[in-house]
Amino acid sequence: MRQPGPGRASSGETFHQDYERRMDLLVRRLPSRLQAVVHRLRRPSARWIRMPVGIILVPAGFLAILPVFGLWMTPLGLMLLAEDVPLLRRGMARILEWIERRHPGWMGLHETHPD
């Protein structure tokens, strides 16, 4: 197996960099107060709160028929859990890649139209 040379990132590093870049693009689309909360929750030291909140939000999203709950809770919970669960992180990376490719405007990027 070839080792990355100087100036060359390994596939794991590239995966991590792409994931972080895409997450940052999405976070920038949030209102500034929510951006601060999300940045705090994404810190490695916040795992003790991120995991329980994510676990609670996933099933709470299925209670969308109740006034306080909504379907938005399930993807938010999965996104929080993806920070700590490698299988979910790979799935989230694929979803973010698809969004960037198919709906770049959702991430604040310019839409490109093939001619």
PDB file of N, CA and C in Angstrom:
ATOM      1  N   MET A   1       0.839  -1.175   0.000  1.00  0.00           N
ATOM      2  CA  MET A   1       0.000   0.000   0.000  1.00  0.00           C
ATOM      3  C   MET A   1       0.883   1.238   0.000  1.00  0.00           C
ATOM      4  N   ARG A   2       0.568   2.187  -0.858  1.00  0.00           N
ATOM      5  CA  ARG A   2       1.364   3.402  -0.948  1.00  0.00           C
ATOM      6  C   ARG A   2       1.039   4.335   0.197  1.00  0.00           C
ATOM      7  N   GLN A   3       2.054   4.892   0.773  1.00  0.00           N
ATOM      8  CA  GLN A   3       1.892   5.895   1.822  1.00  0.00           C
ATOM      9  C   GLN A   3       1.787   7.267   1.171  1.00  0.00           C
ATOM     10  N   PRO A   4       0.979   8.142   1.756  1.00  0.00           N
ATOM     11  CA  PRO A   4       0.901   9.484   1.187  1.00  0.00           C
ATOM     12  C   PRO A   4       2.239  10.199   1.323  1.00  0.00           C
ATOM     13  N   GLY A   5       2.668  10.836   0.278  1.00  0.00           N
ATOM     14  CA  GLY A   5       3.915  11.587   0.298  1.00  0.00           C
ATOM     15  C   GLY A   5       3.675  13.000   0.781  1.00  0.00           C
ATOM     16  N   PRO A   6       4.711  13.812   0.764  1.00  0.00           N
ATOM     17  CA  PRO A   6       4.538  15.194   1.182  1.00  0.00           C
ATOM     18  C   PRO A   6       3.516  15.901   0.301  1.00  0.00           C
ATOM     19  N   GLY A   7       2.618  16.626   0.925  1.00  0.00           N
ATOM     20  CA  GLY A   7       1.608  17.357   0.174  1.00  0.00           C
ATOM     21  C   GLY A   7       0.474  16.495  -0.337  1.00  0.00           C
ATOM     22  N   ARG A   8       0.470  15.219   0.042  1.00  0.00           N
ATOM     23  CA  ARG A   8      -0.555  14.295  -0.420  1.00  0.00           C
ATOM     24  C   ARG A   8      -1.306  13.752   0.789  1.00  0.00           C
ATOM     25  N   ALA A   9      -2.629  13.885   0.820  1.00  0.00           N
ATOM     26  CA  ALA A   9      -3.420  13.416   1.955  1.00  0.00           C
ATOM     27  C   ALA A   9      -3.861  11.983   1.718  1.00  0.00           C
ATOM     28  N   SER A  10      -3.923  11.200   2.801  1.00  0.00           N
ATOM     29  CA  SER A  10      -4.433   9.835   2.684  1.00  0.00           C
ATOM     30  C   SER A  10      -5.938   9.897   2.457  1.00  0.00           C
ATOM     31  N   SER A  11      -6.530   8.789   2.032  1.00  0.00           N
ATOM     32  CA  SER A  11      -7.966   8.783   1.775  1.00  0.00           C
ATOM     33  C   SER A  11      -8.755   9.048   3.055  1.00  0.00           C
ATOM     34  N   GLY A  12      -8.254   8.591   4.197  1.00  0.00           N
ATOM     35  CA  GLY A  12      -8.923   8.863   5.472  1.00  0.00           C
ATOM     36  C   GLY A  12      -8.899  10.338   5.819  1.00  0.00           C
ATOM     37  N   GLU A  13      -7.759  10.979   5.557  1.00  0.00           N
ATOM     38  CA  GLU A  13      -7.654  12.418   5.806  1.00  0.00           C
ATOM     39  C   GLU A  13      -8.564  13.191   4.869  1.00  0.00           C
ATOM     40  N   THR A  14      -8.598  12.788   3.603  1.00  0.00           N
ATOM     41  CA  THR A  14      -9.450  13.450   2.624  1.00  0.00           C
ATOM     42  C   THR A  14     -10.909  13.299   3.014  1.00  0.00           C
ATOM     43  N   PHE A  15     -11.308  12.091   3.423  1.00  0.00           N
ATOM     44  CA  PHE A  15     -12.678  11.844   3.869  1.00  0.00           C
ATOM     45  C   PHE A  15     -13.025  12.791   5.008  1.00  0.00           C
ATOM     46  N   HIS A  16     -12.139  12.878   6.001  1.00  0.00           N
ATOM     47  CA  HIS A  16     -12.386  13.729   7.168  1.00  0.00           C
ATOM     48  C   HIS A  16     -12.455  15.209   6.773  1.00  0.00           C
ATOM     49  N   GLN A  17     -11.545  15.640   5.912  1.00  0.00           N
ATOM     50  CA  GLN A  17     -11.535  17.035   5.479  1.00  0.00           C
ATOM     51  C   GLN A  17     -12.790  17.382   4.688  1.00  0.00           C
ATOM     52  N   ASP A  18     -13.218  16.503   3.788  1.00  0.00           N
ATOM     53  CA  ASP A  18     -14.435  16.738   3.004  1.00  0.00           C
ATOM     54  C   ASP A  18     -15.653  16.784   3.913  1.00  0.00           C
ATOM     55  N   TYR A  19     -15.718  15.855   4.862  1.00  0.00           N
ATOM     56  CA  TYR A  19     -16.847  15.811   5.797  1.00  0.00           C
ATOM     57  C   TYR A  19     -16.912  17.110   6.602  1.00  0.00           C
ATOM     58  N   GLU A  20     -15.781  17.530   7.147  1.00  0.00           N
ATOM     59  CA  GLU A  20     -15.745  18.749   7.965  1.00  0.00           C
ATOM     60  C   GLU A  20     -16.098  19.979   7.130  1.00  0.00           C
ATOM     61  N   ARG A  21     -15.595  20.042   5.900  1.00  0.00           N
ATOM     62  CA  ARG A  21     -15.902  21.181   5.027  1.00  0.00           C
ATOM     63  C   ARG A  21     -17.393  21.258   4.745  1.00  0.00           C
ATOM     64  N   ARG A  22     -17.994  20.130   4.439  1.00  0.00           N
ATOM     65  CA  ARG A  22     -19.427  20.113   4.137  1.00  0.00           C
ATOM     66  C   ARG A  22     -20.262  20.440   5.370  1.00  0.00           C
ATOM     67  N   MET A  23     -19.860  19.912   6.530  1.00  0.00           N
ATOM     68  CA  MET A  23     -20.580  20.236   7.761  1.00  0.00           C
ATOM     69  C   MET A  23     -20.475  21.731   8.063  1.00  0.00           C
ATOM     70  N   ASP A  24     -19.294  22.302   7.868  1.00  0.00           N
ATOM     71  CA  ASP A  24     -19.113  23.738   8.102  1.00  0.00           C
ATOM     72  C   ASP A  24     -19.997  24.562   7.172  1.00  0.00           C
ATOM     73  N   LEU A  25     -20.114  24.131   5.915  1.00  0.00           N
ATOM     74  CA  LEU A  25     -20.993  24.838   4.976  1.00  0.00           C
ATOM     75  C   LEU A  25     -22.436  24.828   5.471  1.00  0.00           C
ATOM     76  N   LEU A  26     -22.899  23.684   5.950  1.00  0.00           N
ATOM     77  CA  LEU A  26     -24.276  23.605   6.451  1.00  0.00           C
ATOM     78  C   LEU A  26     -24.464  24.434   7.717  1.00  0.00           C
ATOM     79  N   VAL A  27     -23.499  24.372   8.616  1.00  0.00           N
ATOM     80  CA  VAL A  27     -23.608  25.116   9.875  1.00  0.00           C
ATOM     81  C   VAL A  27     -23.663  26.614   9.595  1.00  0.00           C
ATOM     82  N   ARG A  28     -22.921  27.082   8.604  1.00  0.00           N
ATOM     83  CA  ARG A  28     -22.935  28.507   8.257  1.00  0.00           C
ATOM     84  C   ARG A  28     -24.302  28.975   7.783  1.00  0.00           C
ATOM     85  N   ARG A  29     -25.149  28.066   7.354  1.00  0.00           N
ATOM     86  CA  ARG A  29     -26.496  28.423   6.896  1.00  0.00           C
ATOM     87  C   ARG A  29     -27.462  28.646   8.055  1.00  0.00           C
ATOM     88  N   LEU A  30     -27.057  28.250   9.251  1.00  0.00           N
ATOM     89  CA  LEU A  30     -27.906  28.408  10.434  1.00  0.00           C
ATOM     90  C   LEU A  30     -27.834  29.836  10.959  1.00  0.00           C
ATOM     91  N   PRO A  31     -28.863  30.255  11.716  1.00  0.00           N
ATOM     92  CA  PRO A  31     -28.772  31.551  12.403  1.00  0.00           C
ATOM     93  C   PRO A  31     -27.569  31.542  13.354  1.00  0.00           C
ATOM     94  N   SER A  32     -26.991  32.704  13.604  1.00  0.00           N
ATOM     95  CA  SER A  32     -25.730  32.787  14.357  1.00  0.00           C
ATOM     96  C   SER A  32     -25.819  32.145  15.737  1.00  0.00           C
ATOM     97  N   ARG A  33     -26.927  32.285  16.431  1.00  0.00           N
ATOM     98  CA  ARG A  33     -27.048  31.653  17.750  1.00  0.00           C
ATOM     99  C   ARG A  33     -26.989  30.132  17.650  1.00  0.00           C
ATOM    100  N   LEU A  34     -27.661  29.584  16.654  1.00  0.00           N
ATOM    101  CA  LEU A  34     -27.627  28.133  16.470  1.00  0.00           C
ATOM    102  C   LEU A  34     -26.245  27.663  16.029  1.00  0.00           C
ATOM    103  N   GLN A  35     -25.548  28.484  15.255  1.00  0.00           N
ATOM    104  CA  GLN A  35     -24.191  28.129  14.853  1.00  0.00           C
ATOM    105  C   GLN A  35     -23.315  27.908  16.078  1.00  0.00           C
ATOM    106  N   ALA A  36     -23.443  28.807  17.052  1.00  0.00           N
ATOM    107  CA  ALA A  36     -22.634  28.688  18.270  1.00  0.00           C
ATOM    108  C   ALA A  36     -22.960  27.403  19.018  1.00  0.00           C
ATOM    109  N   VAL A  37     -24.243  27.052  19.106  1.00  0.00           N
ATOM    110  CA  VAL A  37     -24.655  25.824  19.799  1.00  0.00           C
ATOM    111  C   VAL A  37     -24.110  24.602  19.070  1.00  0.00           C
ATOM    112  N   VAL A  38     -24.227  24.585  17.753  1.00  0.00           N
ATOM    113  CA  VAL A  38     -23.756  23.441  16.973  1.00  0.00           C
ATOM    114  C   VAL A  38     -22.236  23.305  17.090  1.00  0.00           C
ATOM    115  N   HIS A  39     -21.524  24.416  17.040  1.00  0.00           N
ATOM    116  CA  HIS A  39     -20.057  24.345  17.194  1.00  0.00           C
ATOM    117  C   HIS A  39     -19.695  23.755  18.556  1.00  0.00           C
ATOM    118  N   ARG A  40     -20.415  24.160  19.604  1.00  0.00           N
ATOM    119  CA  ARG A  40     -20.136  23.611  20.938  1.00  0.00           C
ATOM    120  C   ARG A  40     -20.458  22.124  20.990  1.00  0.00           C
ATOM    121  N   LEU A  41     -21.559  21.720  20.389  1.00  0.00           N
ATOM    122  CA  LEU A  41     -21.944  20.308  20.407  1.00  0.00           C
ATOM    123  C   LEU A  41     -21.000  19.441  19.581  1.00  0.00           C
ATOM    124  N   ARG A  42     -20.365  19.998  18.568  1.00  0.00           N
ATOM    125  CA  ARG A  42     -19.476  19.217  17.711  1.00  0.00           C
ATOM    126  C   ARG A  42     -18.075  19.063  18.281  1.00  0.00           C
ATOM    127  N   ARG A  43     -17.749  19.795  19.346  1.00  0.00           N
ATOM    128  CA  ARG A  43     -16.428  19.643  19.967  1.00  0.00           C
ATOM    129  C   ARG A  43     -16.305  18.245  20.554  1.00  0.00           C
ATOM    130  N   PRO A  44     -15.123  17.640  20.494  1.00  0.00           N
ATOM    131  CA  PRO A  44     -14.947  16.297  21.066  1.00  0.00           C
ATOM    132  C   PRO A  44     -15.311  16.220  22.548  1.00  0.00           C
ATOM    133  N   SER A  45     -15.072  17.276  23.294  1.00  0.00           N
ATOM    134  CA  SER A  45     -15.375  17.260  24.731  1.00  0.00           C
ATOM    135  C   SER A  45     -16.875  17.263  25.022  1.00  0.00           C
ATOM    136  N   ALA A  46     -17.708  17.544  24.036  1.00  0.00           N
ATOM    137  CA  ALA A  46     -19.152  17.591  24.240  1.00  0.00           C
ATOM    138  C   ALA A  46     -19.818  16.240  24.004  1.00  0.00           C
ATOM    139  N   ARG A  47     -19.025  15.193  23.846  1.00  0.00           N
ATOM    140  CA  ARG A  47     -19.593  13.869  23.568  1.00  0.00           C
ATOM    141  C   ARG A  47     -20.581  13.436  24.648  1.00  0.00           C
ATOM    142  N   TRP A  48     -20.312  13.762  25.885  1.00  0.00           N
ATOM    143  CA  TRP A  48     -21.163  13.349  27.005  1.00  0.00           C
ATOM    144  C   TRP A  48     -22.568  13.940  26.895  1.00  0.00           C
ATOM    145  N   ILE A  49     -22.736  15.041  26.209  1.00  0.00           N
ATOM    146  CA  ILE A  49     -24.070  15.599  26.016  1.00  0.00           C
ATOM    147  C   ILE A  49     -24.612  15.278  24.624  1.00  0.00           C
ATOM    148  N   ARG A  50     -23.719  15.213  23.628  1.00  0.00           N
ATOM    149  CA  ARG A  50     -24.125  14.965  22.240  1.00  0.00           C
ATOM    150  C   ARG A  50     -24.792  13.603  22.082  1.00  0.00           C
ATOM    151  N   MET A  51     -24.226  12.569  22.689  1.00  0.00           N
ATOM    152  CA  MET A  51     -24.769  11.217  22.542  1.00  0.00           C
ATOM    153  C   MET A  51     -26.183  11.101  23.130  1.00  0.00           C
ATOM    154  N   PRO A  52     -26.408  11.491  24.394  1.00  0.00           N
ATOM    155  CA  PRO A  52     -27.775  11.377  24.920  1.00  0.00           C
ATOM    156  C   PRO A  52     -28.786  12.233  24.161  1.00  0.00           C
ATOM    157  N   VAL A  53     -28.393  13.446  23.770  1.00  0.00           N
ATOM    158  CA  VAL A  53     -29.312  14.305  23.021  1.00  0.00           C
ATOM    159  C   VAL A  53     -29.658  13.654  21.683  1.00  0.00           C
ATOM    160  N   GLY A  54     -28.662  13.114  20.991  1.00  0.00           N
ATOM    161  CA  GLY A  54     -28.913  12.442  19.716  1.00  0.00           C
ATOM    162  C   GLY A  54     -29.823  11.241  19.878  1.00  0.00           C
ATOM    163  N   ILE A  55     -29.583  10.450  20.937  1.00  0.00           N
ATOM    164  CA  ILE A  55     -30.409   9.264  21.188  1.00  0.00           C
ATOM    165  C   ILE A  55     -31.852   9.658  21.494  1.00  0.00           C
ATOM    166  N   ILE A  56     -32.049  10.754  22.181  1.00  0.00           N
ATOM    167  CA  ILE A  56     -33.411  11.219  22.509  1.00  0.00           C
ATOM    168  C   ILE A  56     -34.097  11.801  21.283  1.00  0.00           C
ATOM    169  N   LEU A  57     -33.356  12.557  20.459  1.00  0.00           N
ATOM    170  CA  LEU A  57     -33.970  13.217  19.303  1.00  0.00           C
ATOM    171  C   LEU A  57     -34.450  12.245  18.232  1.00  0.00           C
ATOM    172  N   VAL A  58     -33.738  11.145  18.027  1.00  0.00           N
ATOM    173  CA  VAL A  58     -34.123  10.213  16.950  1.00  0.00           C
ATOM    174  C   VAL A  58     -35.547   9.686  17.149  1.00  0.00           C
ATOM    175  N   PRO A  59     -35.884   9.048  18.268  1.00  0.00           N
ATOM    176  CA  PRO A  59     -37.264   8.578  18.405  1.00  0.00           C
ATOM    177  C   PRO A  59     -38.265   9.721  18.621  1.00  0.00           C
ATOM    178  N   ALA A  60     -37.817  10.842  19.191  1.00  0.00           N
ATOM    179  CA  ALA A  60     -38.733  11.972  19.400  1.00  0.00           C
ATOM    180  C   ALA A  60     -39.257  12.509  18.075  1.00  0.00           C
ATOM    181  N   GLY A  61     -38.470  12.398  17.026  1.00  0.00           N
ATOM    182  CA  GLY A  61     -38.916  12.851  15.716  1.00  0.00           C
ATOM    183  C   GLY A  61     -40.115  12.083  15.199  1.00  0.00           C
ATOM    184  N   PHE A  62     -40.265  10.854  15.664  1.00  0.00           N
ATOM    185  CA  PHE A  62     -41.411  10.050  15.229  1.00  0.00           C
ATOM    186  C   PHE A  62     -42.686  10.441  15.973  1.00  0.00           C
ATOM    187  N   LEU A  63     -42.559  11.309  16.957  1.00  0.00           N
ATOM    188  CA  LEU A  63     -43.726  11.813  17.679  1.00  0.00           C
ATOM    189  C   LEU A  63     -44.202  13.128  17.076  1.00  0.00           C
ATOM    190  N   ALA A  64     -43.985  13.317  15.789  1.00  0.00           N
ATOM    191  CA  ALA A  64     -44.283  14.570  15.107  1.00  0.00           C
ATOM    192  C   ALA A  64     -45.759  14.950  15.169  1.00  0.00           C
ATOM    193  N   ILE A  65     -46.616  14.015  15.499  1.00  0.00           N
ATOM    194  CA  ILE A  65     -48.039  14.349  15.585  1.00  0.00           C
ATOM    195  C   ILE A  65     -48.339  15.197  16.822  1.00  0.00           C
ATOM    196  N   LEU A  66     -47.412  15.226  17.773  1.00  0.00           N
ATOM    197  CA  LEU A  66     -47.584  16.042  18.972  1.00  0.00           C
ATOM    198  C   LEU A  66     -47.085  17.463  18.695  1.00  0.00           C
ATOM    199  N   PRO A  67     -47.634  18.461  19.373  1.00  0.00           N
ATOM    200  CA  PRO A  67     -47.340  19.862  19.045  1.00  0.00           C
ATOM    201  C   PRO A  67     -45.873  20.281  19.146  1.00  0.00           C
ATOM    202  N   VAL A  68     -45.115  19.794  20.110  1.00  0.00           N
ATOM    203  CA  VAL A  68     -43.751  20.260  20.326  1.00  0.00           C
ATOM    204  C   VAL A  68     -42.745  19.529  19.450  1.00  0.00           C
ATOM    205  N   PHE A  69     -43.058  18.316  19.072  1.00  0.00           N
ATOM    206  CA  PHE A  69     -42.125  17.472  18.339  1.00  0.00           C
ATOM    207  C   PHE A  69     -42.261  17.686  16.832  1.00  0.00           C
ATOM    208  N   GLY A  70     -41.259  17.298  16.096  1.00  0.00           N
ATOM    209  CA  GLY A  70     -41.308  17.423  14.651  1.00  0.00           C
ATOM    210  C   GLY A  70     -40.357  16.441  13.989  1.00  0.00           C
ATOM    211  N   LEU A  71     -40.582  16.190  12.706  1.00  0.00           N
ATOM    212  CA  LEU A  71     -39.727  15.268  11.967  1.00  0.00           C
ATOM    213  C   LEU A  71     -38.286  15.754  11.880  1.00  0.00           C
ATOM    214  N   TRP A  72     -38.061  17.043  12.042  1.00  0.00           N
ATOM    215  CA  TRP A  72     -36.709  17.597  11.994  1.00  0.00           C
ATOM    216  C   TRP A  72     -35.815  17.014  13.077  1.00  0.00           C
ATOM    217  N   MET A  73     -36.416  16.479  14.134  1.00  0.00           N
ATOM    218  CA  MET A  73     -35.635  15.969  15.259  1.00  0.00           C
ATOM    219  C   MET A  73     -34.852  14.707  14.903  1.00  0.00           C
ATOM    220  N   THR A  74     -35.405  13.865  14.063  1.00  0.00           N
ATOM    221  CA  THR A  74     -34.727  12.610  13.702  1.00  0.00           C
ATOM    222  C   THR A  74     -33.432  12.865  12.943  1.00  0.00           C
ATOM    223  N   PRO A  75     -33.436  13.658  11.849  1.00  0.00           N
ATOM    224  CA  PRO A  75     -32.154  13.887  11.165  1.00  0.00           C
ATOM    225  C   PRO A  75     -31.149  14.638  12.040  1.00  0.00           C
ATOM    226  N   LEU A  76     -31.625  15.551  12.875  1.00  0.00           N
ATOM    227  CA  LEU A  76     -30.714  16.260  13.771  1.00  0.00           C
ATOM    228  C   LEU A  76     -30.074  15.286  14.756  1.00  0.00           C
ATOM    229  N   GLY A  77     -30.863  14.375  15.310  1.00  0.00           N
ATOM    230  CA  GLY A  77     -30.325  13.363  16.220  1.00  0.00           C
ATOM    231  C   GLY A  77     -29.312  12.466  15.528  1.00  0.00           C
ATOM    232  N   LEU A  78     -29.615  12.049  14.297  1.00  0.00           N
ATOM    233  CA  LEU A  78     -28.681  11.211  13.545  1.00  0.00           C
ATOM    234  C   LEU A  78     -27.390  11.962  13.239  1.00  0.00           C
ATOM    235  N   MET A  79     -27.509  13.261  12.956  1.00  0.00           N
ATOM    236  CA  MET A  79     -26.324  14.062  12.678  1.00  0.00           C
ATOM    237  C   MET A  79     -25.443  14.167  13.922  1.00  0.00           C
ATOM    238  N   LEU A  80     -26.067  14.334  15.075  1.00  0.00           N
ATOM    239  CA  LEU A  80     -25.289  14.396  16.318  1.00  0.00           C
ATOM    240  C   LEU A  80     -24.629  13.052  16.613  1.00  0.00           C
ATOM    241  N   LEU A  81     -25.356  11.971  16.424  1.00  0.00           N
ATOM    242  CA  LEU A  81     -24.795  10.643  16.671  1.00  0.00           C
ATOM    243  C   LEU A  81     -23.673  10.314  15.685  1.00  0.00           C
ATOM    244  N   ALA A  82     -23.771  10.857  14.467  1.00  0.00           N
ATOM    245  CA  ALA A  82     -22.756  10.586  13.440  1.00  0.00           C
ATOM    246  C   ALA A  82     -21.380  11.104  13.842  1.00  0.00           C
ATOM    247  N   GLU A  83     -21.328  12.057  14.748  1.00  0.00           N
ATOM    248  CA  GLU A  83     -20.030  12.565  15.204  1.00  0.00           C
ATOM    249  C   GLU A  83     -19.251  11.489  15.958  1.00  0.00           C
ATOM    250  N   ASP A  84     -19.960  10.514  16.561  1.00  0.00           N
ATOM    251  CA  ASP A  84     -19.315   9.524  17.411  1.00  0.00           C
ATOM    252  C   ASP A  84     -19.458   8.085  16.925  1.00  0.00           C
ATOM    253  N   VAL A  85     -20.347   7.825  15.976  1.00  0.00           N
ATOM    254  CA  VAL A  85     -20.591   6.468  15.488  1.00  0.00           C
ATOM    255  C   VAL A  85     -20.091   6.388  14.038  1.00  0.00           C
ATOM    256  N   PRO A  86     -18.972   5.670  13.822  1.00  0.00           N
ATOM    257  CA  PRO A  86     -18.362   5.642  12.484  1.00  0.00           C
ATOM    258  C   PRO A  86     -19.318   5.228  11.358  1.00  0.00           C
ATOM    259  N   LEU A  87     -20.178   4.251  11.588  1.00  0.00           N
ATOM    260  CA  LEU A  87     -21.104   3.812  10.545  1.00  0.00           C
ATOM    261  C   LEU A  87     -22.048   4.955  10.150  1.00  0.00           C
ATOM    262  N   LEU A  88     -22.571   5.666  11.129  1.00  0.00           N
ATOM    263  CA  LEU A  88     -23.447   6.799  10.834  1.00  0.00           C
ATOM    264  C   LEU A  88     -22.670   7.940  10.179  1.00  0.00           C
ATOM    265  N   ARG A  89     -21.422   8.106  10.573  1.00  0.00           N
ATOM    266  CA  ARG A  89     -20.604   9.176   9.994  1.00  0.00           C
ATOM    267  C   ARG A  89     -20.379   8.938   8.501  1.00  0.00           C
ATOM    268  N   ARG A  90     -20.120   7.682   8.116  1.00  0.00           N
ATOM    269  CA  ARG A  90     -19.951   7.375   6.687  1.00  0.00           C
ATOM    270  C   ARG A  90     -21.249   7.644   5.931  1.00  0.00           C
ATOM    271  N   GLY A  91     -22.372   7.258   6.516  1.00  0.00           N
ATOM    272  CA  GLY A  91     -23.664   7.520   5.876  1.00  0.00           C
ATOM    273  C   GLY A  91     -23.935   9.012   5.758  1.00  0.00           C
ATOM    274  N   MET A  92     -23.620   9.767   6.809  1.00  0.00           N
ATOM    275  CA  MET A  92     -23.812  11.210   6.786  1.00  0.00           C
ATOM    276  C   MET A  92     -22.901  11.844   5.738  1.00  0.00           C
ATOM    277  N   ALA A  93     -21.677  11.328   5.606  1.00  0.00           N
ATOM    278  CA  ALA A  93     -20.746  11.854   4.598  1.00  0.00           C
ATOM    279  C   ALA A  93     -21.309  11.641   3.197  1.00  0.00           C
ATOM    280  N   ARG A  94     -21.913  10.485   2.955  1.00  0.00           N
ATOM    281  CA  ARG A  94     -22.514  10.215   1.636  1.00  0.00           C
ATOM    282  C   ARG A  94     -23.685  11.151   1.365  1.00  0.00           C
ATOM    283  N   ILE A  95     -24.497  11.372   2.379  1.00  0.00           N
ATOM    284  CA  ILE A  95     -25.645  12.273   2.231  1.00  0.00           C
ATOM    285  C   ILE A  95     -25.166  13.697   1.955  1.00  0.00           C
ATOM    286  N   LEU A  96     -24.157  14.150   2.691  1.00  0.00           N
ATOM    287  CA  LEU A  96     -23.622  15.492   2.479  1.00  0.00           C
ATOM    288  C   LEU A  96     -23.012  15.633   1.090  1.00  0.00           C
ATOM    289  N   GLU A  97     -22.343  14.579   0.613  1.00  0.00           N
ATOM    290  CA  GLU A  97     -21.776  14.605  -0.737  1.00  0.00           C
ATOM    291  C   GLU A  97     -22.897  14.710  -1.772  1.00  0.00           C
ATOM    292  N   TRP A  98     -23.975  13.958  -1.579  1.00  0.00           N
ATOM    293  CA  TRP A  98     -25.107  13.996  -2.497  1.00  0.00           C
ATOM    294  C   TRP A  98     -25.740  15.387  -2.508  1.00  0.00           C
ATOM    295  N   ILE A  99     -25.912  15.965  -1.325  1.00  0.00           N
ATOM    296  CA  ILE A  99     -26.496  17.309  -1.237  1.00  0.00           C
ATOM    297  C   ILE A  99     -25.614  18.314  -1.967  1.00  0.00           C
ATOM    298  N   GLU A 100     -24.304  18.225  -1.743  1.00  0.00           N
ATOM    299  CA  GLU A 100     -23.399  19.170  -2.397  1.00  0.00           C
ATOM    300  C   GLU A 100     -23.455  19.037  -3.917  1.00  0.00           C
ATOM    301  N   ARG A 101     -23.582  17.811  -4.394  1.00  0.00           N
ATOM    302  CA  ARG A 101     -23.619  17.565  -5.835  1.00  0.00           C
ATOM    303  C   ARG A 101     -24.959  17.951  -6.449  1.00  0.00           C
ATOM    304  N   ARG A 102     -26.049  17.551  -5.808  1.00  0.00           N
ATOM    305  CA  ARG A 102     -27.380  17.732  -6.391  1.00  0.00           C
ATOM    306  C   ARG A 102     -28.066  19.037  -6.013  1.00  0.00           C
ATOM    307  N   HIS A 103     -27.798  19.542  -4.817  1.00  0.00           N
ATOM    308  CA  HIS A 103     -28.461  20.758  -4.314  1.00  0.00           C
ATOM    309  C   HIS A 103     -27.448  21.683  -3.640  1.00  0.00           C
ATOM    310  N   PRO A 104     -26.477  22.182  -4.384  1.00  0.00           N
ATOM    311  CA  PRO A 104     -25.429  23.002  -3.771  1.00  0.00           C
ATOM    312  C   PRO A 104     -25.966  24.248  -3.081  1.00  0.00           C
ATOM    313  N   GLY A 105     -27.108  24.740  -3.508  1.00  0.00           N
ATOM    314  CA  GLY A 105     -27.705  25.911  -2.879  1.00  0.00           C
ATOM    315  C   GLY A 105     -28.056  25.658  -1.420  1.00  0.00           C
ATOM    316  N   TRP A 106     -28.354  24.421  -1.069  1.00  0.00           N
ATOM    317  CA  TRP A 106     -28.666  24.094   0.323  1.00  0.00           C
ATOM    318  C   TRP A 106     -27.467  24.340   1.230  1.00  0.00           C
ATOM    319  N   MET A 107     -26.267  24.281   0.636  1.00  0.00           N
ATOM    320  CA  MET A 107     -25.039  24.471   1.417  1.00  0.00           C
ATOM    321  C   MET A 107     -24.483  25.878   1.225  1.00  0.00           C
ATOM    322  N   GLY A 108     -25.222  26.723   0.521  1.00  0.00           N
ATOM    323  CA  GLY A 108     -24.758  28.076   0.293  1.00  0.00           C
ATOM    324  C   GLY A 108     -23.786  28.200  -0.856  1.00  0.00           C
ATOM    325  N   LEU A 109     -23.695  27.157  -1.668  1.00  0.00           N
ATOM    326  CA  LEU A 109     -22.824  27.194  -2.846  1.00  0.00           C
ATOM    327  C   LEU A 109     -23.630  27.637  -4.051  1.00  0.00           C
ATOM    328  N   HIS A 110     -22.946  28.080  -5.092  1.00  0.00           N
ATOM    329  CA  HIS A 110     -23.617  28.501  -6.312  1.00  0.00           C
ATOM    330  C   HIS A 110     -24.079  27.279  -7.080  1.00  0.00           C
ATOM    331  N   GLU A 111     -25.281  27.366  -7.582  1.00  0.00           N
ATOM    332  CA  GLU A 111     -25.813  26.283  -8.404  1.00  0.00           C
ATOM    333  C   GLU A 111     -25.090  26.297  -9.747  1.00  0.00           C
ATOM    334  N   THR A 112     -24.723  25.126 -10.214  1.00  0.00           N
ATOM    335  CA  THR A 112     -24.106  25.026 -11.535  1.00  0.00           C
ATOM    336  C   THR A 112     -25.076  24.308 -12.456  1.00  0.00           C
ATOM    337  N   HIS A 113     -25.284  24.867 -13.604  1.00  0.00           N
ATOM    338  CA  HIS A 113     -26.208  24.278 -14.570  1.00  0.00           C
ATOM    339  C   HIS A 113     -25.422  23.763 -15.757  1.00  0.00           C
ATOM    340  N   PRO A 114     -25.525  22.457 -16.064  1.00  0.00           N
ATOM    341  CA  PRO A 114     -24.813  21.933 -17.222  1.00  0.00           C
ATOM    342  C   PRO A 114     -25.398  22.520 -18.513  1.00  0.00           C
ATOM    343  N   ASP A 115     -24.530  22.923 -19.405  1.00  0.00           N
ATOM    344  CA  ASP A 115     -24.991  23.496 -20.690  1.00  0.00           C
ATOM    345  C   ASP A 115     -25.067  22.452 -21.747  1.00  0.00           C
TER     346      ASP A 115
END
